[in-house]
N, C-alpha and C. Protein backbone atom coordinates (compact mmCIF):
# COMPACT_ATOMS: atom_id res chain seq x y z
N MET A 1 -7.40 137.59 27.78
CA MET A 1 -6.25 137.07 28.51
C MET A 1 -6.67 135.86 29.34
N ALA A 2 -5.90 134.78 29.26
CA ALA A 2 -6.24 133.56 29.98
C ALA A 2 -6.08 133.75 31.48
N THR A 3 -6.93 133.08 32.22
CA THR A 3 -6.87 133.15 33.67
C THR A 3 -5.65 132.38 34.17
N LEU A 4 -5.02 132.87 35.23
CA LEU A 4 -3.86 132.20 35.80
C LEU A 4 -4.27 130.87 36.42
N PRO A 5 -3.47 129.82 36.24
CA PRO A 5 -3.80 128.50 36.79
C PRO A 5 -4.11 128.51 38.28
N ASN A 6 -3.36 129.27 39.07
CA ASN A 6 -3.59 129.28 40.52
C ASN A 6 -4.98 129.76 40.88
N GLU A 7 -5.48 130.71 40.11
CA GLU A 7 -6.83 131.23 40.37
C GLU A 7 -7.88 130.16 40.08
N ILE A 8 -7.69 129.42 38.98
CA ILE A 8 -8.62 128.35 38.61
C ILE A 8 -8.57 127.23 39.64
N ILE A 9 -7.37 126.82 40.03
CA ILE A 9 -7.21 125.75 41.01
C ILE A 9 -7.82 126.14 42.35
N ARG A 10 -7.62 127.36 42.77
CA ARG A 10 -8.17 127.83 44.04
C ARG A 10 -9.70 127.77 44.03
N LYS A 11 -10.29 128.21 42.93
CA LYS A 11 -11.75 128.19 42.82
C LYS A 11 -12.29 126.75 42.82
N LEU A 12 -11.72 125.90 41.98
CA LEU A 12 -12.23 124.54 41.84
C LEU A 12 -11.95 123.70 43.08
N SER A 13 -10.93 124.04 43.84
CA SER A 13 -10.59 123.28 45.04
C SER A 13 -11.58 123.49 46.17
N ASN A 14 -12.50 124.42 46.01
CA ASN A 14 -13.59 124.57 46.98
C ASN A 14 -14.50 123.35 46.97
N ASP A 15 -14.45 122.60 45.86
CA ASP A 15 -15.18 121.34 45.74
C ASP A 15 -14.25 120.24 46.26
N LYS A 16 -14.61 119.58 47.36
CA LYS A 16 -13.73 118.61 48.00
C LYS A 16 -13.41 117.41 47.10
N ILE A 17 -14.39 116.99 46.31
CA ILE A 17 -14.16 115.86 45.42
C ILE A 17 -13.21 116.25 44.30
N LEU A 18 -13.46 117.40 43.73
CA LEU A 18 -12.60 117.88 42.64
C LEU A 18 -11.20 118.20 43.17
N LYS A 19 -11.11 118.65 44.40
CA LYS A 19 -9.81 118.98 44.99
C LYS A 19 -8.89 117.77 45.00
N LYS A 20 -9.43 116.59 45.30
CA LYS A 20 -8.62 115.37 45.32
C LYS A 20 -8.07 115.05 43.93
N ILE A 21 -8.88 115.28 42.91
CA ILE A 21 -8.44 115.03 41.53
C ILE A 21 -7.36 116.04 41.15
N ILE A 22 -7.58 117.29 41.52
CA ILE A 22 -6.62 118.36 41.21
C ILE A 22 -5.25 118.05 41.82
N GLN A 23 -5.26 117.49 43.02
CA GLN A 23 -4.00 117.17 43.70
C GLN A 23 -3.25 116.03 43.02
N GLU A 24 -3.98 115.23 42.28
CA GLU A 24 -3.38 114.04 41.65
C GLU A 24 -2.87 114.30 40.23
N TYR A 25 -3.47 115.27 39.55
CA TYR A 25 -3.15 115.48 38.13
C TYR A 25 -2.59 116.88 37.88
N ALA A 26 -1.77 116.96 36.85
CA ALA A 26 -1.19 118.25 36.45
C ALA A 26 -2.27 119.18 35.91
N PHE A 27 -2.02 120.45 36.01
CA PHE A 27 -2.98 121.43 35.49
C PHE A 27 -3.12 121.23 33.97
N PRO A 28 -4.36 121.09 33.48
CA PRO A 28 -4.57 120.84 32.04
C PRO A 28 -4.29 122.08 31.20
N ILE A 29 -3.53 121.88 30.15
CA ILE A 29 -3.16 122.99 29.27
C ILE A 29 -3.99 122.94 28.00
N LEU A 30 -4.61 124.06 27.67
CA LEU A 30 -5.36 124.19 26.42
C LEU A 30 -4.58 125.07 25.46
N LYS A 31 -4.53 124.66 24.21
CA LYS A 31 -3.84 125.46 23.20
C LYS A 31 -4.82 125.78 22.07
N PRO A 32 -5.00 127.06 21.74
CA PRO A 32 -5.94 127.41 20.67
C PRO A 32 -5.52 126.80 19.35
N SER A 33 -6.49 126.32 18.63
CA SER A 33 -6.21 125.67 17.34
C SER A 33 -6.18 126.68 16.21
N GLN A 34 -5.43 126.36 15.19
CA GLN A 34 -5.37 127.19 13.99
C GLN A 34 -6.04 126.52 12.81
N ASN A 35 -6.56 125.31 13.01
CA ASN A 35 -7.19 124.58 11.91
C ASN A 35 -8.59 124.13 12.31
N TYR A 36 -9.54 125.06 12.21
CA TYR A 36 -10.91 124.77 12.62
C TYR A 36 -11.53 123.68 11.76
N PHE A 37 -11.18 123.67 10.50
CA PHE A 37 -11.76 122.72 9.56
C PHE A 37 -11.46 121.28 9.99
N GLU A 38 -10.19 121.01 10.23
CA GLU A 38 -9.81 119.64 10.61
C GLU A 38 -10.29 119.29 12.01
N ASP A 39 -10.38 120.29 12.88
CA ASP A 39 -10.92 120.03 14.22
C ASP A 39 -12.36 119.53 14.13
N LEU A 40 -13.16 120.17 13.31
CA LEU A 40 -14.57 119.77 13.19
C LEU A 40 -14.69 118.37 12.62
N ILE A 41 -13.82 118.03 11.69
CA ILE A 41 -13.81 116.66 11.17
C ILE A 41 -13.47 115.69 12.29
N LYS A 42 -12.47 116.04 13.10
CA LYS A 42 -12.07 115.18 14.22
C LYS A 42 -13.23 114.96 15.17
N PHE A 43 -13.94 116.04 15.52
CA PHE A 43 -15.03 115.91 16.48
C PHE A 43 -16.19 115.10 15.89
N ILE A 44 -16.42 115.21 14.59
CA ILE A 44 -17.43 114.38 13.94
C ILE A 44 -17.05 112.91 14.08
N ILE A 45 -15.80 112.60 13.83
CA ILE A 45 -15.33 111.21 13.92
C ILE A 45 -15.53 110.65 15.32
N TYR A 46 -15.30 111.47 16.35
CA TYR A 46 -15.38 111.00 17.73
C TYR A 46 -16.81 110.93 18.28
N GLN A 47 -17.78 111.36 17.52
CA GLN A 47 -19.16 111.34 18.00
C GLN A 47 -19.60 109.92 18.33
N GLN A 48 -20.11 109.73 19.54
CA GLN A 48 -20.80 108.50 19.96
C GLN A 48 -19.97 107.23 19.85
N ILE A 49 -18.65 107.36 19.94
CA ILE A 49 -17.80 106.17 19.98
C ILE A 49 -16.76 106.36 21.09
N SER A 50 -16.08 105.28 21.46
CA SER A 50 -15.08 105.36 22.51
C SER A 50 -13.86 106.15 22.03
N THR A 51 -13.11 106.65 22.98
CA THR A 51 -11.89 107.38 22.62
C THR A 51 -10.93 106.48 21.85
N LYS A 52 -10.82 105.23 22.29
CA LYS A 52 -9.90 104.30 21.62
C LYS A 52 -10.28 104.11 20.16
N ALA A 53 -11.56 103.90 19.90
CA ALA A 53 -12.02 103.73 18.52
C ALA A 53 -11.83 105.03 17.74
N GLY A 54 -12.13 106.16 18.38
CA GLY A 54 -11.95 107.46 17.72
C GLY A 54 -10.51 107.70 17.34
N ASN A 55 -9.58 107.37 18.23
CA ASN A 55 -8.16 107.55 17.94
C ASN A 55 -7.76 106.77 16.68
N THR A 56 -8.24 105.53 16.60
CA THR A 56 -7.89 104.67 15.46
C THR A 56 -8.45 105.22 14.16
N ILE A 57 -9.72 105.57 14.17
CA ILE A 57 -10.38 106.06 12.95
C ILE A 57 -9.80 107.40 12.52
N TYR A 58 -9.56 108.28 13.50
CA TYR A 58 -9.01 109.60 13.14
C TYR A 58 -7.60 109.46 12.57
N ARG A 59 -6.81 108.57 13.11
CA ARG A 59 -5.46 108.35 12.58
C ARG A 59 -5.53 107.86 11.13
N ARG A 60 -6.44 106.93 10.87
CA ARG A 60 -6.62 106.43 9.49
C ARG A 60 -7.05 107.56 8.57
N PHE A 61 -7.97 108.40 9.07
CA PHE A 61 -8.43 109.52 8.25
C PHE A 61 -7.28 110.45 7.92
N GLN A 62 -6.47 110.80 8.91
CA GLN A 62 -5.34 111.70 8.67
C GLN A 62 -4.37 111.13 7.64
N GLU A 63 -4.10 109.84 7.74
CA GLU A 63 -3.19 109.19 6.79
C GLU A 63 -3.75 109.24 5.37
N PHE A 64 -5.07 109.12 5.27
CA PHE A 64 -5.71 109.16 3.95
C PHE A 64 -5.83 110.58 3.43
N TYR A 65 -6.28 111.49 4.27
CA TYR A 65 -6.63 112.86 3.87
C TYR A 65 -5.42 113.71 3.50
N GLN A 66 -4.47 113.81 4.41
CA GLN A 66 -3.23 114.57 4.20
C GLN A 66 -3.48 116.01 3.72
N GLY A 67 -4.59 116.59 4.19
CA GLY A 67 -4.88 117.98 3.87
C GLY A 67 -5.32 118.24 2.44
N LYS A 68 -5.69 117.19 1.72
CA LYS A 68 -6.06 117.36 0.31
C LYS A 68 -7.57 117.18 0.14
N GLU A 69 -8.23 118.27 -0.20
CA GLU A 69 -9.69 118.26 -0.36
C GLU A 69 -10.14 117.22 -1.39
N SER A 70 -9.37 117.07 -2.45
CA SER A 70 -9.75 116.15 -3.53
C SER A 70 -9.85 114.72 -3.04
N LYS A 71 -9.09 114.39 -2.01
CA LYS A 71 -9.12 113.02 -1.48
C LYS A 71 -10.51 112.67 -0.96
N VAL A 72 -11.12 113.62 -0.23
CA VAL A 72 -12.43 113.38 0.35
C VAL A 72 -13.53 113.50 -0.70
N ILE A 73 -13.41 114.50 -1.55
CA ILE A 73 -14.45 114.70 -2.57
C ILE A 73 -14.55 113.49 -3.50
N ASN A 74 -13.43 112.84 -3.73
CA ASN A 74 -13.41 111.74 -4.70
C ASN A 74 -13.20 110.36 -4.07
N TRP A 75 -13.33 110.25 -2.75
CA TRP A 75 -13.06 108.94 -2.15
C TRP A 75 -14.10 107.91 -2.56
N THR A 76 -13.65 106.67 -2.60
CA THR A 76 -14.52 105.56 -2.99
C THR A 76 -15.15 104.95 -1.73
N GLU A 77 -16.17 104.15 -1.93
CA GLU A 77 -16.81 103.48 -0.80
C GLU A 77 -15.80 102.61 -0.06
N GLU A 78 -14.96 101.93 -0.80
CA GLU A 78 -13.95 101.07 -0.19
C GLU A 78 -13.01 101.89 0.70
N GLU A 79 -12.66 103.10 0.24
CA GLU A 79 -11.73 103.94 1.00
C GLU A 79 -12.34 104.44 2.30
N TRP A 80 -13.54 105.03 2.24
CA TRP A 80 -14.10 105.57 3.48
C TRP A 80 -14.53 104.48 4.44
N ARG A 81 -14.90 103.33 3.91
CA ARG A 81 -15.22 102.21 4.80
C ARG A 81 -13.96 101.65 5.46
N SER A 82 -12.86 101.65 4.73
CA SER A 82 -11.61 101.14 5.30
C SER A 82 -11.09 102.06 6.41
N ILE A 83 -11.43 103.33 6.33
CA ILE A 83 -11.08 104.27 7.40
C ILE A 83 -11.88 103.95 8.66
N GLY A 84 -13.11 103.46 8.46
CA GLY A 84 -13.97 103.11 9.58
C GLY A 84 -15.13 104.06 9.77
N LEU A 85 -15.42 104.85 8.74
CA LEU A 85 -16.49 105.84 8.84
C LEU A 85 -17.84 105.23 8.49
N SER A 86 -18.86 105.65 9.23
CA SER A 86 -20.22 105.30 8.85
C SER A 86 -20.62 106.18 7.67
N ILE A 87 -21.65 105.78 6.96
CA ILE A 87 -22.10 106.59 5.82
C ILE A 87 -22.58 107.96 6.30
N GLN A 88 -23.14 108.00 7.51
CA GLN A 88 -23.62 109.27 8.05
C GLN A 88 -22.46 110.23 8.31
N LYS A 89 -21.39 109.73 8.94
CA LYS A 89 -20.24 110.59 9.22
C LYS A 89 -19.51 110.96 7.94
N LYS A 90 -19.47 110.07 6.98
CA LYS A 90 -18.90 110.36 5.67
C LYS A 90 -19.63 111.55 5.05
N THR A 91 -20.97 111.53 5.13
CA THR A 91 -21.78 112.60 4.55
C THR A 91 -21.54 113.93 5.27
N TYR A 92 -21.44 113.87 6.59
CA TYR A 92 -21.18 115.10 7.35
C TYR A 92 -19.84 115.72 6.95
N ILE A 93 -18.81 114.88 6.84
CA ILE A 93 -17.48 115.37 6.48
C ILE A 93 -17.49 115.96 5.08
N GLU A 94 -18.13 115.30 4.15
CA GLU A 94 -18.21 115.82 2.78
C GLU A 94 -18.89 117.18 2.75
N ASN A 95 -19.90 117.35 3.60
CA ASN A 95 -20.64 118.61 3.62
C ASN A 95 -19.76 119.78 4.03
N PHE A 96 -18.73 119.53 4.83
CA PHE A 96 -17.82 120.61 5.25
C PHE A 96 -17.08 121.22 4.05
N PHE A 97 -17.02 120.48 2.95
CA PHE A 97 -16.28 120.95 1.78
C PHE A 97 -17.15 121.75 0.82
N SER A 98 -18.44 121.91 1.15
CA SER A 98 -19.29 122.73 0.29
C SER A 98 -18.89 124.19 0.44
N PRO A 99 -19.09 125.03 -0.58
CA PRO A 99 -18.71 126.45 -0.48
C PRO A 99 -19.37 127.15 0.71
N GLU A 100 -20.63 126.84 0.97
CA GLU A 100 -21.35 127.50 2.07
C GLU A 100 -20.74 127.12 3.42
N SER A 101 -20.43 125.83 3.59
CA SER A 101 -19.86 125.38 4.85
C SER A 101 -18.46 125.94 5.06
N LYS A 102 -17.66 125.95 4.01
CA LYS A 102 -16.30 126.47 4.14
C LYS A 102 -16.31 127.95 4.52
N GLU A 103 -17.26 128.69 3.96
CA GLU A 103 -17.37 130.11 4.29
C GLU A 103 -17.77 130.29 5.75
N LEU A 104 -18.71 129.47 6.21
CA LEU A 104 -19.16 129.57 7.59
C LEU A 104 -18.02 129.22 8.55
N ILE A 105 -17.28 128.16 8.24
CA ILE A 105 -16.17 127.74 9.11
C ILE A 105 -15.11 128.83 9.17
N ARG A 106 -14.84 129.48 8.05
CA ARG A 106 -13.87 130.58 8.04
C ARG A 106 -14.33 131.72 8.94
N SER A 107 -15.64 131.95 9.00
CA SER A 107 -16.17 133.05 9.81
C SER A 107 -15.98 132.80 11.30
N LEU A 108 -15.77 131.55 11.69
CA LEU A 108 -15.62 131.22 13.10
C LEU A 108 -14.34 131.79 13.70
N TYR A 109 -13.34 132.04 12.86
CA TYR A 109 -12.08 132.57 13.35
C TYR A 109 -12.25 133.96 13.97
N GLN A 110 -13.17 134.74 13.42
CA GLN A 110 -13.35 136.11 13.89
C GLN A 110 -14.41 136.24 14.98
N GLU A 111 -15.31 135.29 15.05
CA GLU A 111 -16.42 135.39 16.01
C GLU A 111 -15.93 135.10 17.44
N LYS A 112 -16.35 135.94 18.38
CA LYS A 112 -15.93 135.79 19.77
C LYS A 112 -17.08 135.41 20.71
N GLU A 113 -18.30 135.78 20.35
CA GLU A 113 -19.44 135.53 21.23
C GLU A 113 -19.83 134.06 21.20
N ILE A 114 -19.86 133.46 22.37
CA ILE A 114 -20.07 132.02 22.46
C ILE A 114 -21.44 131.59 21.93
N ASP A 115 -22.47 132.39 22.17
CA ASP A 115 -23.81 132.02 21.69
C ASP A 115 -23.88 132.06 20.17
N LYS A 116 -23.22 133.04 19.58
CA LYS A 116 -23.20 133.13 18.11
C LYS A 116 -22.38 131.99 17.52
N LEU A 117 -21.29 131.64 18.19
CA LEU A 117 -20.48 130.51 17.73
C LEU A 117 -21.29 129.22 17.77
N ARG A 118 -22.00 129.00 18.86
CA ARG A 118 -22.80 127.78 19.00
C ARG A 118 -23.90 127.74 17.93
N LYS A 119 -24.52 128.87 17.66
CA LYS A 119 -25.58 128.92 16.65
C LYS A 119 -25.02 128.61 15.27
N SER A 120 -23.86 129.18 14.95
CA SER A 120 -23.24 128.92 13.64
C SER A 120 -22.83 127.45 13.52
N LEU A 121 -22.23 126.93 14.57
CA LEU A 121 -21.75 125.54 14.55
C LEU A 121 -22.90 124.57 14.34
N THR A 122 -23.97 124.75 15.10
CA THR A 122 -25.08 123.79 15.02
C THR A 122 -25.91 123.97 13.76
N SER A 123 -25.63 125.01 12.98
CA SER A 123 -26.30 125.15 11.68
C SER A 123 -25.64 124.25 10.63
N LEU A 124 -24.44 123.74 10.95
CA LEU A 124 -23.75 122.82 10.05
C LEU A 124 -24.30 121.42 10.23
N LYS A 125 -24.52 120.73 9.14
CA LYS A 125 -25.06 119.38 9.19
C LYS A 125 -24.13 118.46 9.98
N GLY A 126 -24.70 117.77 10.96
CA GLY A 126 -23.92 116.82 11.74
C GLY A 126 -23.38 117.35 13.04
N ILE A 127 -23.53 118.66 13.28
CA ILE A 127 -23.00 119.25 14.50
C ILE A 127 -24.14 119.56 15.47
N GLY A 128 -24.09 118.87 16.60
CA GLY A 128 -25.06 119.12 17.66
C GLY A 128 -24.37 119.73 18.86
N ASP A 129 -25.01 119.64 20.02
CA ASP A 129 -24.48 120.29 21.22
C ASP A 129 -23.12 119.72 21.63
N TRP A 130 -22.95 118.39 21.57
CA TRP A 130 -21.68 117.80 22.01
C TRP A 130 -20.53 118.27 21.14
N THR A 131 -20.71 118.22 19.84
CA THR A 131 -19.65 118.63 18.92
C THR A 131 -19.33 120.11 19.08
N ALA A 132 -20.37 120.92 19.25
CA ALA A 132 -20.15 122.35 19.47
C ALA A 132 -19.36 122.58 20.75
N ASP A 133 -19.68 121.84 21.80
CA ASP A 133 -18.97 121.99 23.06
C ASP A 133 -17.49 121.60 22.92
N MET A 134 -17.22 120.52 22.19
CA MET A 134 -15.83 120.10 21.99
C MET A 134 -15.05 121.19 21.24
N PHE A 135 -15.70 121.82 20.28
CA PHE A 135 -15.08 122.92 19.53
C PHE A 135 -14.80 124.11 20.45
N LEU A 136 -15.78 124.46 21.25
CA LEU A 136 -15.63 125.61 22.15
C LEU A 136 -14.53 125.37 23.18
N ILE A 137 -14.39 124.12 23.62
CA ILE A 137 -13.36 123.79 24.61
C ILE A 137 -11.99 123.65 23.97
N PHE A 138 -11.86 122.72 23.03
CA PHE A 138 -10.54 122.33 22.54
C PHE A 138 -10.02 123.19 21.39
N THR A 139 -10.93 123.82 20.65
CA THR A 139 -10.50 124.66 19.54
C THR A 139 -10.43 126.13 19.95
N LYS A 140 -11.50 126.61 20.57
CA LYS A 140 -11.56 128.01 20.97
C LYS A 140 -11.04 128.28 22.39
N ASN A 141 -10.99 127.22 23.22
CA ASN A 141 -10.45 127.34 24.58
C ASN A 141 -11.26 128.24 25.51
N TYR A 142 -12.58 128.21 25.39
CA TYR A 142 -13.40 128.95 26.34
C TYR A 142 -13.33 128.25 27.71
N GLU A 143 -13.27 129.05 28.77
CA GLU A 143 -13.01 128.51 30.10
C GLU A 143 -14.26 128.02 30.83
N ASP A 144 -15.44 128.38 30.35
CA ASP A 144 -16.65 128.07 31.13
C ASP A 144 -17.69 127.34 30.28
N VAL A 145 -17.29 126.20 29.75
CA VAL A 145 -18.19 125.36 28.94
C VAL A 145 -18.45 124.07 29.70
N PHE A 146 -19.71 123.68 29.78
CA PHE A 146 -20.04 122.41 30.43
C PHE A 146 -20.77 121.51 29.43
N PRO A 147 -20.11 120.44 28.96
CA PRO A 147 -20.69 119.57 27.92
C PRO A 147 -21.64 118.53 28.50
N ILE A 148 -22.86 118.93 28.72
CA ILE A 148 -23.85 118.06 29.36
C ILE A 148 -24.16 116.83 28.51
N LYS A 149 -23.85 116.85 27.23
CA LYS A 149 -24.11 115.70 26.37
C LYS A 149 -22.94 114.71 26.32
N ASP A 150 -21.88 115.00 27.08
CA ASP A 150 -20.74 114.08 27.09
C ASP A 150 -20.99 112.99 28.13
N LEU A 151 -21.13 111.76 27.67
CA LEU A 151 -21.49 110.67 28.57
C LEU A 151 -20.41 110.38 29.60
N ALA A 152 -19.15 110.54 29.22
CA ALA A 152 -18.07 110.29 30.17
C ALA A 152 -18.15 111.26 31.34
N ILE A 153 -18.38 112.53 31.04
CA ILE A 153 -18.51 113.53 32.09
C ILE A 153 -19.75 113.25 32.95
N VAL A 154 -20.86 113.01 32.30
CA VAL A 154 -22.12 112.78 33.02
C VAL A 154 -22.00 111.56 33.94
N ASN A 155 -21.49 110.45 33.42
CA ASN A 155 -21.39 109.23 34.22
C ASN A 155 -20.39 109.37 35.36
N THR A 156 -19.31 110.11 35.13
CA THR A 156 -18.33 110.33 36.19
C THR A 156 -18.92 111.17 37.31
N ILE A 157 -19.66 112.21 36.95
CA ILE A 157 -20.31 113.05 37.97
C ILE A 157 -21.35 112.26 38.75
N LYS A 158 -22.12 111.44 38.05
CA LYS A 158 -23.12 110.61 38.74
C LYS A 158 -22.47 109.71 39.77
N LYS A 159 -21.33 109.14 39.39
CA LYS A 159 -20.63 108.22 40.29
C LYS A 159 -19.99 108.95 41.47
N LEU A 160 -19.30 110.04 41.20
CA LEU A 160 -18.56 110.74 42.24
C LEU A 160 -19.45 111.54 43.18
N TYR A 161 -20.52 112.13 42.63
CA TYR A 161 -21.34 113.05 43.42
C TYR A 161 -22.70 112.46 43.81
N GLU A 162 -22.96 111.24 43.37
CA GLU A 162 -24.21 110.55 43.71
C GLU A 162 -25.44 111.37 43.34
N VAL A 163 -25.43 111.86 42.12
CA VAL A 163 -26.60 112.54 41.55
C VAL A 163 -27.05 111.74 40.34
N GLN A 164 -28.26 112.01 39.87
CA GLN A 164 -28.81 111.18 38.80
C GLN A 164 -29.34 111.98 37.61
N THR A 165 -30.05 113.04 37.87
CA THR A 165 -30.75 113.74 36.79
C THR A 165 -29.87 114.81 36.15
N GLU A 166 -30.23 115.16 34.92
CA GLU A 166 -29.52 116.23 34.21
C GLU A 166 -29.65 117.54 34.97
N GLU A 167 -30.80 117.77 35.54
CA GLU A 167 -31.03 119.00 36.31
C GLU A 167 -30.07 119.08 37.50
N GLU A 168 -29.87 117.96 38.20
CA GLU A 168 -28.96 117.93 39.34
C GLU A 168 -27.52 118.17 38.90
N ILE A 169 -27.15 117.57 37.77
CA ILE A 169 -25.79 117.71 37.26
C ILE A 169 -25.51 119.15 36.86
N LEU A 170 -26.45 119.77 36.17
CA LEU A 170 -26.28 121.17 35.76
C LEU A 170 -26.21 122.10 36.97
N PHE A 171 -27.02 121.81 37.97
CA PHE A 171 -26.99 122.62 39.20
C PHE A 171 -25.64 122.48 39.88
N LEU A 172 -25.13 121.25 39.95
CA LEU A 172 -23.83 121.00 40.56
C LEU A 172 -22.72 121.73 39.81
N SER A 173 -22.80 121.71 38.48
CA SER A 173 -21.73 122.31 37.66
C SER A 173 -21.63 123.82 37.85
N LYS A 174 -22.72 124.44 38.29
CA LYS A 174 -22.70 125.90 38.46
C LYS A 174 -21.69 126.35 39.51
N GLN A 175 -21.38 125.48 40.46
CA GLN A 175 -20.42 125.85 41.50
C GLN A 175 -19.00 125.97 40.93
N TRP A 176 -18.78 125.42 39.73
CA TRP A 176 -17.45 125.47 39.11
C TRP A 176 -17.29 126.70 38.20
N ALA A 177 -18.38 127.40 37.93
CA ALA A 177 -18.30 128.60 37.09
C ALA A 177 -17.42 129.64 37.77
N PRO A 178 -16.65 130.41 37.04
CA PRO A 178 -16.58 130.49 35.56
C PRO A 178 -15.49 129.61 34.93
N TYR A 179 -15.21 128.46 35.58
CA TYR A 179 -14.14 127.59 35.07
C TYR A 179 -14.63 126.16 34.87
N ARG A 180 -15.85 126.03 34.37
CA ARG A 180 -16.41 124.68 34.20
C ARG A 180 -15.63 123.85 33.18
N THR A 181 -15.03 124.50 32.20
CA THR A 181 -14.20 123.77 31.24
C THR A 181 -13.08 123.03 31.98
N TYR A 182 -12.41 123.72 32.89
CA TYR A 182 -11.29 123.10 33.60
C TYR A 182 -11.75 122.00 34.56
N ALA A 183 -12.91 122.17 35.13
CA ALA A 183 -13.46 121.10 35.97
C ALA A 183 -13.65 119.83 35.13
N CYS A 184 -14.16 120.02 33.92
CA CYS A 184 -14.37 118.87 33.03
C CYS A 184 -13.05 118.27 32.57
N LEU A 185 -12.07 119.11 32.31
CA LEU A 185 -10.76 118.61 31.90
C LEU A 185 -10.15 117.74 33.00
N TYR A 186 -10.30 118.17 34.24
CA TYR A 186 -9.81 117.35 35.35
C TYR A 186 -10.59 116.03 35.45
N LEU A 187 -11.90 116.09 35.25
CA LEU A 187 -12.70 114.87 35.31
C LEU A 187 -12.31 113.91 34.19
N TRP A 188 -12.08 114.44 33.00
CA TRP A 188 -11.59 113.58 31.90
C TRP A 188 -10.24 112.97 32.24
N GLU A 189 -9.35 113.79 32.80
CA GLU A 189 -8.02 113.29 33.18
C GLU A 189 -8.13 112.15 34.18
N SER A 190 -9.08 112.26 35.10
CA SER A 190 -9.24 111.23 36.12
C SER A 190 -9.64 109.89 35.53
N LEU A 191 -10.16 109.90 34.31
CA LEU A 191 -10.53 108.67 33.61
C LEU A 191 -9.37 108.10 32.81
N ASN A 192 -8.25 108.87 32.78
CA ASN A 192 -7.09 108.49 31.97
C ASN A 192 -7.49 108.26 30.52
N ASP A 193 -8.37 109.14 30.04
CA ASP A 193 -8.87 109.05 28.68
C ASP A 193 -7.96 109.86 27.76
N ASN A 194 -7.57 109.25 26.66
CA ASN A 194 -6.58 109.87 25.78
C ASN A 194 -7.23 110.65 24.64
N PHE A 195 -8.18 111.52 24.99
CA PHE A 195 -8.83 112.31 23.95
C PHE A 195 -7.83 113.31 23.37
N PRO A 196 -7.70 113.36 22.04
CA PRO A 196 -6.70 114.26 21.45
C PRO A 196 -7.10 115.72 21.59
N LYS A 197 -6.31 116.49 22.26
CA LYS A 197 -6.64 117.88 22.53
C LYS A 197 -5.99 118.80 21.51
């Protein structure tokens, strides 16, 4: 059962900096996804690029793909380059269509333990900690995920809290537990970043 918004807001508002952001923005709503396969493709596309560029490339991919596996299996170099994919991301996406990968992705629907989910996700080619965190947040809607590999989050925390090291950032984030996901959602909102949720 999801935690009530008032409980999350009350906890996070103990942080004076975060409290100001909370007062300015609406409570972020997470909706569980029913299409894990396409979510993983989306997160692959958004790896290491700006949200604006990711939005453009993902839109092109959706227009091309239209839910048809044959489109990706048989795409030409001209097609995937016109979408804006690097050869590396093209390879990662193609790998999702292998029988082994499809079976693993299907198994994610039933798995509840976050550590097992992360282990399964990162066993897929192209999925590291950042992509796994995006899946756990936006697809599975876990409330206490802190994406330390997300540069937007890291740089925002460095600026707002005047910390520098990863160790300091992780220590700071512990005060937001067990709602670190929502702390990050508010921080993303404060950047007015249009990441597709």
